Amino acid sequence: MKILIAVDGSKFSLKAVKHVTSHLDWFQGTPELHLLHVTEPIPPGRASAILGEEMVKNYYKEESQAELGPAEKLLRKLEIPYTSAWKIGNVAEEIRAYAKKQKIDMIVMGSHGHTAFQNLVMGSVATKVLAATTIPVLIVR
């Protein structure tokens, strides 16, 4: 089974990783874990023009590595193999596209991201992923 865990560095996404790792016995065999972080693109215009393309690329890379870091550290500590990736774009759409391309069987994500106060019931990204895919989605709170 291939499991995609959407990671944004929030406490909820780390809870999602912990939830999966504490329930590996639910799955037949060892699941193939994929971590994915998606960064919203910087609006085109002055910032990109002033900073330069290389600096913007470095920003995306550093941002993604920082957000993936705690989840990767936990998986390394538990000696659980994983694949880690990062994308730039619309978060829900990039999660859907990655899951489709990698033939993911289940998406796991936290109920809220860094913007938990914007949606008190469930985060907007989680809601959009639920609407955008036919793959089962497990929301961890």
Protein backbone atom coordinates (compact mmCIF):
# COMPACT_ATOMS: atom_id res chain seq x y z
CA MET A 1 0.00 0.00 0.00
CA LYS A 2 1.23 3.49 -0.87
CA ILE A 3 0.42 6.22 1.63
CA LEU A 4 0.91 9.91 0.95
CA ILE A 5 1.25 12.12 4.03
CA ALA A 6 0.79 15.80 3.25
CA VAL A 7 3.18 17.78 5.44
CA ASP A 8 3.15 21.52 6.11
CA GLY A 9 5.21 21.69 9.30
CA SER A 10 2.17 22.24 11.51
CA LYS A 11 1.51 20.23 14.66
CA PHE A 12 -1.45 18.64 12.87
CA SER A 13 0.67 17.30 10.01
CA LEU A 14 3.20 15.87 12.48
CA LYS A 15 0.28 14.22 14.29
CA ALA A 16 -0.71 12.66 10.96
CA VAL A 17 2.78 11.17 10.59
CA LYS A 18 2.69 9.88 14.18
CA HIS A 19 -0.76 8.41 13.61
CA VAL A 20 0.35 6.45 10.56
CA THR A 21 3.55 5.23 12.20
CA SER A 22 1.73 4.09 15.33
CA HIS A 23 -0.76 2.09 13.28
CA LEU A 24 1.44 0.31 10.76
CA ASP A 25 -0.12 -2.96 11.94
CA TRP A 26 -3.37 -1.88 10.20
CA PHE A 27 -1.76 -2.55 6.85
CA GLN A 28 -0.83 -5.80 5.20
CA GLY A 29 2.93 -5.66 4.87
CA THR A 30 4.91 -2.47 5.31
CA PRO A 31 3.30 0.48 3.56
CA GLU A 32 5.32 2.67 1.23
CA LEU A 33 5.29 6.13 2.80
CA HIS A 34 5.51 9.35 0.79
CA LEU A 35 5.90 12.77 2.42
CA LEU A 36 4.87 15.75 0.32
CA HIS A 37 5.12 19.46 1.05
CA VAL A 38 3.55 21.99 -1.31
CA THR A 39 4.52 25.65 -1.26
CA GLU A 40 2.19 28.27 -2.67
CA PRO A 41 3.97 30.17 -5.44
CA ILE A 42 5.22 33.69 -4.90
CA PRO A 43 3.04 35.99 -7.00
CA PRO A 44 4.85 36.92 -10.19
CA GLY A 45 6.11 40.43 -10.44
CA ARG A 46 8.46 42.60 -8.51
CA ALA A 47 9.56 40.13 -5.83
CA SER A 48 10.74 37.58 -8.37
CA ALA A 49 12.25 40.25 -10.59
CA ILE A 50 14.12 41.91 -7.72
CA LEU A 51 15.28 38.73 -6.00
CA GLY A 52 16.09 36.76 -9.13
CA GLU A 53 15.01 33.32 -10.21
CA GLU A 54 17.80 31.48 -8.39
CA MET A 55 17.02 33.12 -5.04
CA VAL A 56 13.33 32.31 -5.42
CA LYS A 57 14.17 28.66 -6.19
CA ASN A 58 16.39 28.55 -3.11
CA TYR A 59 13.56 30.02 -1.03
CA TYR A 60 11.17 27.28 -2.18
CA LYS A 61 13.74 24.58 -1.46
CA GLU A 62 14.65 25.90 2.00
CA GLU A 63 10.99 26.43 2.93
CA SER A 64 10.08 22.89 1.90
CA GLN A 65 13.05 21.31 3.65
CA ALA A 66 12.18 23.15 6.86
CA GLU A 67 8.56 22.00 6.72
CA LEU A 68 9.48 18.39 5.88
CA GLY A 69 12.25 18.25 8.50
CA PRO A 70 10.29 17.22 11.62
CA ALA A 71 8.41 14.45 9.78
CA GLU A 72 11.60 13.15 8.16
CA LYS A 73 13.40 13.22 11.52
CA LEU A 74 10.63 11.16 13.13
CA LEU A 75 10.63 8.56 10.35
CA ARG A 76 14.44 8.27 10.46
CA LYS A 77 14.30 7.85 14.26
CA LEU A 78 11.74 5.06 13.86
CA GLU A 79 13.80 3.57 11.02
CA ILE A 80 10.82 3.69 8.67
CA PRO A 81 11.74 4.15 5.00
CA TYR A 82 10.04 6.97 3.14
CA THR A 83 10.15 9.07 0.00
CA SER A 84 10.13 12.83 0.40
CA ALA A 85 9.12 15.41 -2.22
CA TRP A 86 8.11 19.03 -2.55
CA LYS A 87 6.12 20.90 -5.15
CA ILE A 88 5.20 24.49 -5.92
CA GLY A 89 1.61 25.38 -6.75
CA ASN A 90 -1.95 25.09 -5.57
CA VAL A 91 -1.69 22.84 -2.53
CA ALA A 92 -4.79 20.69 -3.06
CA GLU A 93 -4.17 20.30 -6.79
CA GLU A 94 -0.51 19.36 -6.31
CA ILE A 95 -1.46 16.76 -3.66
CA ARG A 96 -4.04 15.29 -6.04
CA ALA A 97 -1.62 15.26 -8.98
CA TYR A 98 1.20 13.67 -6.94
CA ALA A 99 -1.15 11.00 -5.59
CA LYS A 100 -2.36 10.17 -9.07
CA LYS A 101 1.14 10.06 -10.60
CA GLN A 102 2.56 7.88 -7.79
CA LYS A 103 -0.53 5.62 -7.69
CA ILE A 104 -1.12 6.44 -4.02
CA ASP A 105 -3.71 4.28 -2.23
CA MET A 106 -4.46 6.65 0.66
CA ILE A 107 -3.78 10.29 1.51
CA VAL A 108 -3.24 11.23 5.16
CA MET A 109 -3.22 14.81 6.33
CA GLY A 110 -3.75 16.94 9.39
CA SER A 111 -7.13 18.53 9.92
CA HIS A 112 -5.58 22.01 9.98
CA GLY A 113 -2.39 23.57 8.74
CA HIS A 114 -0.63 26.71 9.83
CA THR A 115 -3.84 28.68 9.24
CA ALA A 116 -5.99 26.73 11.70
CA PHE A 117 -7.98 29.79 12.75
CA GLN A 118 -9.27 30.40 9.22
CA ASN A 119 -11.43 27.26 9.30
CA LEU A 120 -12.55 26.14 12.73
CA VAL A 121 -14.12 22.85 11.62
CA MET A 122 -11.58 21.63 9.09
CA GLY A 123 -8.79 23.30 7.15
CA SER A 124 -9.51 24.59 3.68
CA VAL A 125 -6.73 22.49 2.11
CA ALA A 126 -8.14 19.30 3.65
CA THR A 127 -11.60 20.22 2.39
CA LYS A 128 -10.26 20.92 -1.12
CA VAL A 129 -8.30 17.64 -1.22
CA LEU A 130 -11.43 15.73 -0.20
CA ALA A 131 -13.32 17.37 -3.06
CA ALA A 132 -10.54 16.93 -5.65
CA THR A 133 -9.74 13.24 -5.35
CA THR A 134 -11.39 9.83 -5.35
CA ILE A 135 -8.52 8.38 -3.33
CA PRO A 136 -9.41 7.68 0.32
CA VAL A 137 -8.33 10.54 2.60
CA LEU A 138 -7.68 10.12 6.30
CA ILE A 139 -7.89 13.39 8.24
CA VAL A 140 -6.01 13.35 11.57
CA ARG A 141 -6.91 15.84 14.24
